[in-house]
């Protein structure tokens, strides 16, 4: 059963999940998010997909933009976003473990 917050994340799927996971290690601007997702998670995400996910996460209150003197605007995960991604990972971990066991 999905919580009220999780329904939004599930609806937006993988890109939003990847962005939230990347922001768990600290604030990042768009290009740094793409690099983090590719290097740490082995997913290549294009700018259109990335900024679409960012826009949705901003609207849902799961991330926020930070003030910066730099051209690239950094984003950080909010407490709500942290709660949602923690619950999402907790919920999916047993399913992933079962899949890995059955594939072994």
PDB file of N, CA and C in Angstrom:
ATOM      1  N   UNK A   1       0.840  -1.172   0.000  1.00  0.00           N
ATOM      2  CA  UNK A   1       0.000   0.000   0.000  1.00  0.00           C
ATOM      3  C   UNK A   1       0.894   1.247   0.000  1.00  0.00           C
ATOM      4  N   UNK A   2       0.567   2.204  -0.851  1.00  0.00           N
ATOM      5  CA  UNK A   2       1.378   3.406  -0.964  1.00  0.00           C
ATOM      6  C   UNK A   2       0.881   4.493  -0.019  1.00  0.00           C
ATOM      7  N   UNK A   3       1.840   5.242   0.521  1.00  0.00           N
ATOM      8  CA  UNK A   3       1.470   6.383   1.347  1.00  0.00           C
ATOM      9  C   UNK A   3       1.106   7.548   0.432  1.00  0.00           C
ATOM     10  N   UNK A   4       0.549   8.592   0.992  1.00  0.00           N
ATOM     11  CA  UNK A   4       0.185   9.776   0.214  1.00  0.00           C
ATOM     12  C   UNK A   4       1.408  10.361  -0.495  1.00  0.00           C
ATOM     13  N   UNK A   5       2.531  10.498   0.209  1.00  0.00           N
ATOM     14  CA  UNK A   5       3.741  11.056  -0.390  1.00  0.00           C
ATOM     15  C   UNK A   5       4.313  10.134  -1.454  1.00  0.00           C
ATOM     16  N   UNK A   6       4.308   8.831  -1.192  1.00  0.00           N
ATOM     17  CA  UNK A   6       4.937   7.864  -2.087  1.00  0.00           C
ATOM     18  C   UNK A   6       4.193   7.745  -3.409  1.00  0.00           C
ATOM     19  N   UNK A   7       2.889   7.992  -3.433  1.00  0.00           N
ATOM     20  CA  UNK A   7       2.151   7.887  -4.689  1.00  0.00           C
ATOM     21  C   UNK A   7       2.751   8.802  -5.739  1.00  0.00           C
ATOM     22  N   UNK A   8       3.138   9.985  -5.346  1.00  0.00           N
ATOM     23  CA  UNK A   8       3.741  10.908  -6.297  1.00  0.00           C
ATOM     24  C   UNK A   8       5.063  10.392  -6.819  1.00  0.00           C
ATOM     25  N   UNK A   9       5.909   9.880  -5.945  1.00  0.00           N
ATOM     26  CA  UNK A   9       7.206   9.368  -6.362  1.00  0.00           C
ATOM     27  C   UNK A   9       7.029   8.164  -7.270  1.00  0.00           C
ATOM     28  N   UNK A  10       6.138   7.264  -6.937  1.00  0.00           N
ATOM     29  CA  UNK A  10       5.897   6.096  -7.771  1.00  0.00           C
ATOM     30  C   UNK A  10       5.413   6.505  -9.154  1.00  0.00           C
ATOM     31  N   UNK A  11       4.588   7.509  -9.197  1.00  0.00           N
ATOM     32  CA  UNK A  11       4.051   7.968 -10.470  1.00  0.00           C
ATOM     33  C   UNK A  11       5.152   8.527 -11.370  1.00  0.00           C
ATOM     34  N   UNK A  12       6.138   9.188 -10.777  1.00  0.00           N
ATOM     35  CA  UNK A  12       7.207   9.780 -11.579  1.00  0.00           C
ATOM     36  C   UNK A  12       8.341   8.803 -11.830  1.00  0.00           C
ATOM     37  N   UNK A  13       8.394   7.741 -11.082  1.00  0.00           N
ATOM     38  CA  UNK A  13       9.274   6.633 -11.353  1.00  0.00           C
ATOM     39  C   UNK A  13      10.757   6.862 -11.177  1.00  0.00           C
ATOM     40  N   UNK A  14      11.462   6.162 -12.005  1.00  0.00           N
ATOM     41  CA  UNK A  14      12.909   6.035 -11.892  1.00  0.00           C
ATOM     42  C   UNK A  14      13.672   7.361 -11.864  1.00  0.00           C
ATOM     43  N   UNK A  15      13.441   8.315 -12.778  1.00  0.00           N
ATOM     44  CA  UNK A  15      14.245   9.546 -12.724  1.00  0.00           C
ATOM     45  C   UNK A  15      14.136  10.282 -11.388  1.00  0.00           C
ATOM     46  N   UNK A  16      12.936  10.400 -10.843  1.00  0.00           N
ATOM     47  CA  UNK A  16      12.771  11.085  -9.557  1.00  0.00           C
ATOM     48  C   UNK A  16      13.486  10.333  -8.448  1.00  0.00           C
ATOM     49  N   UNK A  17      13.409   9.016  -8.481  1.00  0.00           N
ATOM     50  CA  UNK A  17      14.084   8.192  -7.483  1.00  0.00           C
ATOM     51  C   UNK A  17      15.592   8.387  -7.570  1.00  0.00           C
ATOM     52  N   UNK A  18      16.128   8.403  -8.778  1.00  0.00           N
ATOM     53  CA  UNK A  18      17.570   8.589  -8.966  1.00  0.00           C
ATOM     54  C   UNK A  18      18.024   9.955  -8.463  1.00  0.00           C
ATOM     55  N   UNK A  19      17.240  10.993  -8.737  1.00  0.00           N
ATOM     56  CA  UNK A  19      17.589  12.344  -8.280  1.00  0.00           C
ATOM     57  C   UNK A  19      17.602  12.399  -6.754  1.00  0.00           C
ATOM     58  N   UNK A  20      16.572  11.859  -6.113  1.00  0.00           N
ATOM     59  CA  UNK A  20      16.535  11.871  -4.651  1.00  0.00           C
ATOM     60  C   UNK A  20      17.710  11.105  -4.058  1.00  0.00           C
ATOM     61  N   UNK A  21      18.013   9.942  -4.622  1.00  0.00           N
ATOM     62  CA  UNK A  21      19.151   9.165  -4.113  1.00  0.00           C
ATOM     63  C   UNK A  21      20.458   9.933  -4.286  1.00  0.00           C
ATOM     64  N   UNK A  22      20.638  10.598  -5.418  1.00  0.00           N
ATOM     65  CA  UNK A  22      21.867  11.373  -5.652  1.00  0.00           C
ATOM     66  C   UNK A  22      21.976  12.531  -4.665  1.00  0.00           C
ATOM     67  N   UNK A  23      20.860  13.151  -4.332  1.00  0.00           N
ATOM     68  CA  UNK A  23      20.892  14.288  -3.407  1.00  0.00           C
ATOM     69  C   UNK A  23      21.064  13.874  -1.949  1.00  0.00           C
ATOM     70  N   UNK A  24      20.920  12.598  -1.660  1.00  0.00           N
ATOM     71  CA  UNK A  24      21.134  12.129  -0.285  1.00  0.00           C
ATOM     72  C   UNK A  24      22.577  12.365   0.168  1.00  0.00           C
ATOM     73  N   UNK A  25      23.520  12.452  -0.768  1.00  0.00           N
ATOM     74  CA  UNK A  25      24.916  12.667  -0.386  1.00  0.00           C
ATOM     75  C   UNK A  25      25.277  14.150  -0.317  1.00  0.00           C
ATOM     76  N   UNK A  26      24.305  15.034  -0.597  1.00  0.00           N
ATOM     77  CA  UNK A  26      24.558  16.463  -0.489  1.00  0.00           C
ATOM     78  C   UNK A  26      24.028  17.220  -1.688  1.00  0.00           C
ATOM     79  N   UNK A  27      23.963  18.563  -1.584  1.00  0.00           N
ATOM     80  CA  UNK A  27      23.434  19.389  -2.672  1.00  0.00           C
ATOM     81  C   UNK A  27      24.251  19.242  -3.954  1.00  0.00           C
ATOM     82  N   UNK A  28      23.550  19.328  -5.077  1.00  0.00           N
ATOM     83  CA  UNK A  28      24.202  19.232  -6.391  1.00  0.00           C
ATOM     84  C   UNK A  28      23.425  20.050  -7.399  1.00  0.00           C
ATOM     85  N   UNK A  29      24.124  20.595  -8.394  1.00  0.00           N
ATOM     86  CA  UNK A  29      23.458  21.248  -9.520  1.00  0.00           C
ATOM     87  C   UNK A  29      23.189  20.182 -10.586  1.00  0.00           C
ATOM     88  N   UNK A  30      22.488  20.563 -11.634  1.00  0.00           N
ATOM     89  CA  UNK A  30      22.038  19.609 -12.638  1.00  0.00           C
ATOM     90  C   UNK A  30      23.126  18.725 -13.229  1.00  0.00           C
ATOM     91  N   UNK A  31      24.222  19.332 -13.681  1.00  0.00           N
ATOM     92  CA  UNK A  31      25.288  18.535 -14.296  1.00  0.00           C
ATOM     93  C   UNK A  31      25.898  17.567 -13.285  1.00  0.00           C
ATOM     94  N   UNK A  32      26.087  18.021 -12.051  1.00  0.00           N
ATOM     95  CA  UNK A  32      26.629  17.141 -11.005  1.00  0.00           C
ATOM     96  C   UNK A  32      25.658  15.998 -10.697  1.00  0.00           C
ATOM     97  N   UNK A  33      24.354  16.272 -10.773  1.00  0.00           N
ATOM     98  CA  UNK A  33      23.368  15.209 -10.591  1.00  0.00           C
ATOM     99  C   UNK A  33      23.507  14.161 -11.693  1.00  0.00           C
ATOM    100  N   UNK A  34      23.616  14.611 -12.944  1.00  0.00           N
ATOM    101  CA  UNK A  34      23.775  13.657 -14.057  1.00  0.00           C
ATOM    102  C   UNK A  34      25.028  12.816 -13.873  1.00  0.00           C
ATOM    103  N   UNK A  35      26.133  13.453 -13.470  1.00  0.00           N
ATOM    104  CA  UNK A  35      27.382  12.723 -13.243  1.00  0.00           C
ATOM    105  C   UNK A  35      27.226  11.710 -12.109  1.00  0.00           C
ATOM    106  N   UNK A  36      26.631  12.132 -11.004  1.00  0.00           N
ATOM    107  CA  UNK A  36      26.451  11.259  -9.851  1.00  0.00           C
ATOM    108  C   UNK A  36      25.600  10.045 -10.214  1.00  0.00           C
ATOM    109  N   UNK A  37      24.514  10.278 -10.912  1.00  0.00           N
ATOM    110  CA  UNK A  37      23.614   9.188 -11.304  1.00  0.00           C
ATOM    111  C   UNK A  37      24.337   8.210 -12.226  1.00  0.00           C
ATOM    112  N   UNK A  38      25.104   8.748 -13.159  1.00  0.00           N
ATOM    113  CA  UNK A  38      25.823   7.865 -14.088  1.00  0.00           C
ATOM    114  C   UNK A  38      26.947   7.101 -13.392  1.00  0.00           C
ATOM    115  N   UNK A  39      27.745   7.790 -12.589  1.00  0.00           N
ATOM    116  CA  UNK A  39      28.909   7.167 -11.960  1.00  0.00           C
ATOM    117  C   UNK A  39      28.529   6.238 -10.806  1.00  0.00           C
ATOM    118  N   UNK A  40      27.595   6.660  -9.962  1.00  0.00           N
ATOM    119  CA  UNK A  40      27.261   5.887  -8.770  1.00  0.00           C
ATOM    120  C   UNK A  40      26.174   4.834  -9.001  1.00  0.00           C
ATOM    121  N   UNK A  41      25.289   5.098  -9.962  1.00  0.00           N
ATOM    122  CA  UNK A  41      24.150   4.201 -10.154  1.00  0.00           C
ATOM    123  C   UNK A  41      24.152   3.508 -11.509  1.00  0.00           C
ATOM    124  N   UNK A  42      25.100   3.871 -12.349  1.00  0.00           N
ATOM    125  CA  UNK A  42      25.251   3.273 -13.675  1.00  0.00           C
ATOM    126  C   UNK A  42      24.013   3.473 -14.555  1.00  0.00           C
ATOM    127  N   UNK A  43      23.398   4.656 -14.445  1.00  0.00           N
ATOM    128  CA  UNK A  43      22.283   5.053 -15.300  1.00  0.00           C
ATOM    129  C   UNK A  43      22.670   6.329 -16.020  1.00  0.00           C
ATOM    130  N   UNK A  44      22.391   6.397 -17.295  1.00  0.00           N
ATOM    131  CA  UNK A  44      22.600   7.627 -18.041  1.00  0.00           C
ATOM    132  C   UNK A  44      21.246   8.319 -18.146  1.00  0.00           C
ATOM    133  N   UNK A  45      21.198   9.553 -17.700  1.00  0.00           N
ATOM    134  CA  UNK A  45      19.953  10.323 -17.701  1.00  0.00           C
ATOM    135  C   UNK A  45      20.196  11.609 -18.489  1.00  0.00           C
ATOM    136  N   UNK A  46      19.344  11.894 -19.440  1.00  0.00           N
ATOM    137  CA  UNK A  46      19.493  13.089 -20.265  1.00  0.00           C
ATOM    138  C   UNK A  46      18.986  14.330 -19.567  1.00  0.00           C
ATOM    139  N   UNK A  47      19.382  15.503 -20.072  1.00  0.00           N
ATOM    140  CA  UNK A  47      18.978  16.758 -19.439  1.00  0.00           C
ATOM    141  C   UNK A  47      17.464  16.954 -19.380  1.00  0.00           C
ATOM    142  N   UNK A  48      16.743  16.590 -20.433  1.00  0.00           N
ATOM    143  CA  UNK A  48      15.291  16.757 -20.439  1.00  0.00           C
ATOM    144  C   UNK A  48      14.625  15.921 -19.361  1.00  0.00           C
ATOM    145  N   UNK A  49      15.062  14.677 -19.250  1.00  0.00           N
ATOM    146  CA  UNK A  49      14.518  13.780 -18.228  1.00  0.00           C
ATOM    147  C   UNK A  49      14.884  14.280 -16.836  1.00  0.00           C
ATOM    148  N   UNK A  50      16.144  14.692 -16.673  1.00  0.00           N
ATOM    149  CA  UNK A  50      16.610  15.188 -15.375  1.00  0.00           C
ATOM    150  C   UNK A  50      15.810  16.404 -14.935  1.00  0.00           C
ATOM    151  N   UNK A  51      15.717  17.416 -15.804  1.00  0.00           N
ATOM    152  CA  UNK A  51      15.047  18.647 -15.394  1.00  0.00           C
ATOM    153  C   UNK A  51      13.539  18.476 -15.275  1.00  0.00           C
ATOM    154  N   UNK A  52      12.969  17.505 -15.991  1.00  0.00           N
ATOM    155  CA  UNK A  52      11.563  17.156 -15.787  1.00  0.00           C
ATOM    156  C   UNK A  52      11.353  16.587 -14.397  1.00  0.00           C
ATOM    157  N   UNK A  53      12.253  15.683 -13.978  1.00  0.00           N
ATOM    158  CA  UNK A  53      12.169  15.103 -12.631  1.00  0.00           C
ATOM    159  C   UNK A  53      12.389  16.176 -11.568  1.00  0.00           C
ATOM    160  N   UNK A  54      13.356  17.058 -11.798  1.00  0.00           N
ATOM    161  CA  UNK A  54      13.619  18.149 -10.840  1.00  0.00           C
ATOM    162  C   UNK A  54      12.380  19.016 -10.680  1.00  0.00           C
ATOM    163  N   UNK A  55      11.743  19.394 -11.792  1.00  0.00           N
ATOM    164  CA  UNK A  55      10.547  20.242 -11.731  1.00  0.00           C
ATOM    165  C   UNK A  55       9.439  19.563 -10.922  1.00  0.00           C
ATOM    166  N   UNK A  56       9.235  18.278 -11.138  1.00  0.00           N
ATOM    167  CA  UNK A  56       8.196  17.547 -10.415  1.00  0.00           C
ATOM    168  C   UNK A  56       8.524  17.441  -8.931  1.00  0.00           C
ATOM    169  N   UNK A  57       9.799  17.168  -8.615  1.00  0.00           N
ATOM    170  CA  UNK A  57      10.207  17.056  -7.212  1.00  0.00           C
ATOM    171  C   UNK A  57      10.114  18.404  -6.494  1.00  0.00           C
ATOM    172  N   UNK A  58      10.443  19.492  -7.183  1.00  0.00           N
ATOM    173  CA  UNK A  58      10.287  20.832  -6.601  1.00  0.00           C
ATOM    174  C   UNK A  58       8.817  21.100  -6.289  1.00  0.00           C
ATOM    175  N   UNK A  59       7.952  20.783  -7.236  1.00  0.00           N
ATOM    176  CA  UNK A  59       6.511  21.002  -7.067  1.00  0.00           C
ATOM    177  C   UNK A  59       5.954  20.176  -5.905  1.00  0.00           C
ATOM    178  N   UNK A  60       6.482  18.982  -5.722  1.00  0.00           N
ATOM    179  CA  UNK A  60       6.022  18.095  -4.651  1.00  0.00           C
ATOM    180  C   UNK A  60       6.652  18.435  -3.306  1.00  0.00           C
ATOM    181  N   UNK A  61       7.635  19.345  -3.283  1.00  0.00           N
ATOM    182  CA  UNK A  61       8.286  19.728  -2.032  1.00  0.00           C
ATOM    183  C   UNK A  61       9.333  18.737  -1.554  1.00  0.00           C
ATOM    184  N   UNK A  62       9.797  17.861  -2.440  1.00  0.00           N
ATOM    185  CA  UNK A  62      10.784  16.856  -2.050  1.00  0.00           C
ATOM    186  C   UNK A  62      12.215  17.350  -2.196  1.00  0.00           C
ATOM    187  N   UNK A  63      12.414  18.385  -3.016  1.00  0.00           N
ATOM    188  CA  UNK A  63      13.710  19.043  -3.120  1.00  0.00           C
ATOM    189  C   UNK A  63      13.461  20.546  -3.150  1.00  0.00           C
ATOM    190  N   UNK A  64      14.533  21.316  -2.948  1.00  0.00           N
ATOM    191  CA  UNK A  64      14.436  22.770  -3.058  1.00  0.00           C
ATOM    192  C   UNK A  64      15.709  23.293  -3.702  1.00  0.00           C
ATOM    193  N   UNK A  65      15.558  24.416  -4.386  1.00  0.00           N
ATOM    194  CA  UNK A  65      16.711  25.087  -4.962  1.00  0.00           C
ATOM    195  C   UNK A  65      17.395  25.927  -3.906  1.00  0.00           C
ATOM    196  N   UNK A  66      18.711  26.023  -4.005  1.00  0.00           N
ATOM    197  CA  UNK A  66      19.491  26.816  -3.065  1.00  0.00           C
ATOM    198  C   UNK A  66      19.973  28.099  -3.734  1.00  0.00           C
ATOM    199  N   UNK A  67      20.160  29.115  -2.932  1.00  0.00           N
ATOM    200  CA  UNK A  67      20.737  30.365  -3.434  1.00  0.00           C
ATOM    201  C   UNK A  67      22.195  30.109  -3.803  1.00  0.00           C
ATOM    202  N   UNK A  68      22.619  30.709  -4.905  1.00  0.00           N
ATOM    203  CA  UNK A  68      24.000  30.521  -5.324  1.00  0.00           C
ATOM    204  C   UNK A  68      24.450  31.704  -6.169  1.00  0.00           C
ATOM    205  N   UNK A  69      25.707  32.060  -6.040  1.00  0.00           N
ATOM    206  CA  UNK A  69      26.294  33.091  -6.883  1.00  0.00           C
ATOM    207  C   UNK A  69      26.730  32.509  -8.236  1.00  0.00           C
ATOM    208  N   UNK A  70      26.778  31.202  -8.289  1.00  0.00           N
ATOM    209  CA  UNK A  70      27.191  30.508  -9.508  1.00  0.00           C
ATOM    210  C   UNK A  70      26.032  30.461 -10.499  1.00  0.00           C
ATOM    211  N   UNK A  71      26.372  30.216 -11.762  1.00  0.00           N
ATOM    212  CA  UNK A  71      25.360  30.100 -12.803  1.00  0.00           C
ATOM    213  C   UNK A  71      24.491  28.859 -12.602  1.00  0.00           C
ATOM    214  N   UNK A  72      25.125  27.758 -12.212  1.00  0.00           N
ATOM    215  CA  UNK A  72      24.409  26.499 -11.994  1.00  0.00           C
ATOM    216  C   UNK A  72      23.724  26.525 -10.628  1.00  0.00           C
ATOM    217  N   UNK A  73      22.425  26.266 -10.622  1.00  0.00           N
ATOM    218  CA  UNK A  73      21.655  26.305  -9.384  1.00  0.00           C
ATOM    219  C   UNK A  73      21.711  24.943  -8.697  1.00  0.00           C
ATOM    220  N   UNK A  74      22.180  24.910  -7.446  1.00  0.00           N
ATOM    221  CA  UNK A  74      22.189  23.635  -6.717  1.00  0.00           C
ATOM    222  C   UNK A  74      20.816  23.329  -6.105  1.00  0.00           C
ATOM    223  N   UNK A  75      20.584  22.048  -5.911  1.00  0.00           N
ATOM    224  CA  UNK A  75      19.357  21.563  -5.291  1.00  0.00           C
ATOM    225  C   UNK A  75      19.733  20.718  -4.090  1.00  0.00           C
ATOM    226  N   UNK A  76      18.821  20.660  -3.119  1.00  0.00           N
ATOM    227  CA  UNK A  76      19.019  19.776  -1.976  1.00  0.00           C
ATOM    228  C   UNK A  76      17.708  19.070  -1.668  1.00  0.00           C
ATOM    229  N   UNK A  77      17.833  17.914  -1.052  1.00  0.00           N
ATOM    230  CA  UNK A  77      16.664  17.144  -0.665  1.00  0.00           C
ATOM    231  C   UNK A  77      16.059  17.761   0.589  1.00  0.00           C
ATOM    232  N   UNK A  78      14.746  17.771   0.686  1.00  0.00           N
ATOM    233  CA  UNK A  78      14.055  18.292   1.871  1.00  0.00           C
ATOM    234  C   UNK A  78      13.818  17.138   2.845  1.00  0.00           C
ATOM    235  N   UNK A  79      13.359  17.481   4.041  1.00  0.00           N
ATOM    236  CA  UNK A  79      13.017  16.433   5.013  1.00  0.00           C
ATOM    237  C   UNK A  79      11.932  15.516   4.451  1.00  0.00           C
ATOM    238  N   UNK A  80      10.962  16.084   3.773  1.00  0.00           N
ATOM    239  CA  UNK A  80       9.903  15.280   3.160  1.00  0.00           C
ATOM    240  C   UNK A  80      10.492  14.332   2.112  1.00  0.00           C
ATOM    241  N   UNK A  81      11.369  14.847   1.268  1.00  0.00           N
ATOM    242  CA  UNK A  81      12.006  14.008   0.257  1.00  0.00           C
ATOM    243  C   UNK A  81      12.820  12.888   0.879  1.00  0.00           C
ATOM    244  N   UNK A  82      13.515  13.203   1.960  1.00  0.00           N
ATOM    245  CA  UNK A  82      14.315  12.189   2.669  1.00  0.00           C
ATOM    246  C   UNK A  82      13.406  11.097   3.238  1.00  0.00           C
ATOM    247  N   UNK A  83      12.298  11.484   3.856  1.00  0.00           N
ATOM    248  CA  UNK A  83      11.358  10.491   4.391  1.00  0.00           C
ATOM    249  C   UNK A  83      10.798   9.607   3.276  1.00  0.00           C
ATOM    250  N   UNK A  84      10.444  10.218   2.165  1.00  0.00           N
ATOM    251  CA  UNK A  84       9.858   9.467   1.052  1.00  0.00           C
ATOM    252  C   UNK A  84      10.861   8.488   0.455  1.00  0.00           C
ATOM    253  N   UNK A  85      12.096   8.921   0.215  1.00  0.00           N
ATOM    254  CA  UNK A  85      13.073   8.006  -0.400  1.00  0.00           C
ATOM    255  C   UNK A  85      13.479   6.913   0.582  1.00  0.00           C
ATOM    256  N   UNK A  86      13.561   7.233   1.873  1.00  0.00           N
ATOM    257  CA  UNK A  86      13.868   6.195   2.862  1.00  0.00           C
ATOM    258  C   UNK A  86      12.782   5.130   2.881  1.00  0.00           C
ATOM    259  N   UNK A  87      11.531   5.539   2.847  1.00  0.00           N
ATOM    260  CA  UNK A  87      10.412   4.591   2.828  1.00  0.00           C
ATOM    261  C   UNK A  87      10.394   3.797   1.525  1.00  0.00           C
ATOM    262  N   UNK A  88      10.668   4.452   0.431  1.00  0.00           N
ATOM    263  CA  UNK A  88      10.700   3.798  -0.887  1.00  0.00           C
ATOM    264  C   UNK A  88      11.767   2.706  -0.920  1.00  0.00           C
ATOM    265  N   UNK A  89      12.955   3.023  -0.444  1.00  0.00           N
ATOM    266  CA  UNK A  89      14.051   2.044  -0.402  1.00  0.00           C
ATOM    267  C   UNK A  89      13.709   0.911   0.563  1.00  0.00           C
ATOM    268  N   UNK A  90      13.167   1.257   1.736  1.00  0.00           N
ATOM    269  CA  UNK A  90      12.782   0.230   2.711  1.00  0.00           C
ATOM    270  C   UNK A  90      11.761  -0.729   2.105  1.00  0.00           C
ATOM    271  N   UNK A  91      10.802  -0.191   1.404  1.00  0.00           N
ATOM    272  CA  UNK A  91       9.737  -0.998   0.826  1.00  0.00           C
ATOM    273  C   UNK A  91      10.246  -1.902  -0.305  1.00  0.00           C
ATOM    274  N   UNK A  92      11.161  -1.401  -1.111  1.00  0.00           N
ATOM    275  CA  UNK A  92      11.635  -2.167  -2.268  1.00  0.00           C
ATOM    276  C   UNK A  92      12.797  -3.107  -1.962  1.00  0.00           C
ATOM    277  N   UNK A  93      13.503  -2.913  -0.853  1.00  0.00           N
ATOM    278  CA  UNK A  93      14.660  -3.756  -0.529  1.00  0.00           C
ATOM    279  C   UNK A  93      14.333  -5.249  -0.470  1.00  0.00           C
ATOM    280  N   UNK A  94      13.264  -5.686   0.198  1.00  0.00           N
ATOM    281  CA  UNK A  94      12.967  -7.121   0.222  1.00  0.00           C
ATOM    282  C   UNK A  94      12.649  -7.683  -1.167  1.00  0.00           C
ATOM    283  N   UNK A  95      12.032  -6.877  -1.999  1.00  0.00           N
ATOM    284  CA  UNK A  95      11.696  -7.319  -3.355  1.00  0.00           C
ATOM    285  C   UNK A  95      12.963  -7.487  -4.178  1.00  0.00           C
ATOM    286  N   UNK A  96      13.898  -6.551  -4.051  1.00  0.00           N
ATOM    287  CA  UNK A  96      15.176  -6.638  -4.766  1.00  0.00           C
ATOM    288  C   UNK A  96      15.956  -7.863  -4.288  1.00  0.00           C
ATOM    289  N   UNK A  97      16.001  -8.083  -2.988  1.00  0.00           N
ATOM    290  CA  UNK A  97      16.712  -9.249  -2.445  1.00  0.00           C
ATOM    291  C   UNK A  97      16.109 -10.553  -2.968  1.00  0.00           C
ATOM    292  N   UNK A  98      14.794 -10.626  -3.029  1.00  0.00           N
ATOM    293  CA  UNK A  98      14.138 -11.824  -3.556  1.00  0.00           C
ATOM    294  C   UNK A  98      14.501 -12.025  -5.025  1.00  0.00           C
ATOM    295  N   UNK A  99      14.470 -10.944  -5.785  1.00  0.00           N
ATOM    296  CA  UNK A  99      14.829 -11.038  -7.201  1.00  0.00           C
ATOM    297  C   UNK A  99      16.275 -11.508  -7.389  1.00  0.00           C
ATOM    298  N   UNK A 100      17.188 -10.960  -6.601  1.00  0.00           N
ATOM    299  CA  UNK A 100      18.592 -11.366  -6.695  1.00  0.00           C
ATOM    300  C   UNK A 100      18.752 -12.850  -6.343  1.00  0.00           C
ATOM    301  N   UNK A 101      18.046 -13.308  -5.326  1.00  0.00           N
ATOM    302  CA  UNK A 101      18.134 -14.703  -4.915  1.00  0.00           C
ATOM    303  C   UNK A 101      17.594 -15.624  -6.012  1.00  0.00           C
ATOM    304  N   UNK A 102      16.509 -15.234  -6.621  1.00  0.00           N
ATOM    305  CA  UNK A 102      15.925 -16.068  -7.672  1.00  0.00           C
ATOM    306  C   UNK A 102      16.731 -16.056  -8.957  1.00  0.00           C
ATOM    307  N   UNK A 103      17.468 -15.008  -9.187  1.00  0.00           N
ATOM    308  CA  UNK A 103      18.308 -14.929 -10.382  1.00  0.00           C
ATOM    309  C   UNK A 103      19.658 -15.637 -10.199  1.00  0.00           C
ATOM    310  N   UNK A 104      20.028 -15.895  -8.942  1.00  0.00           N
ATOM    311  CA  UNK A 104      21.327 -16.499  -8.662  1.00  0.00           C
ATOM    312  C   UNK A 104      21.379 -17.959  -9.087  1.00  0.00           C
TER     313      UNK A 104
END
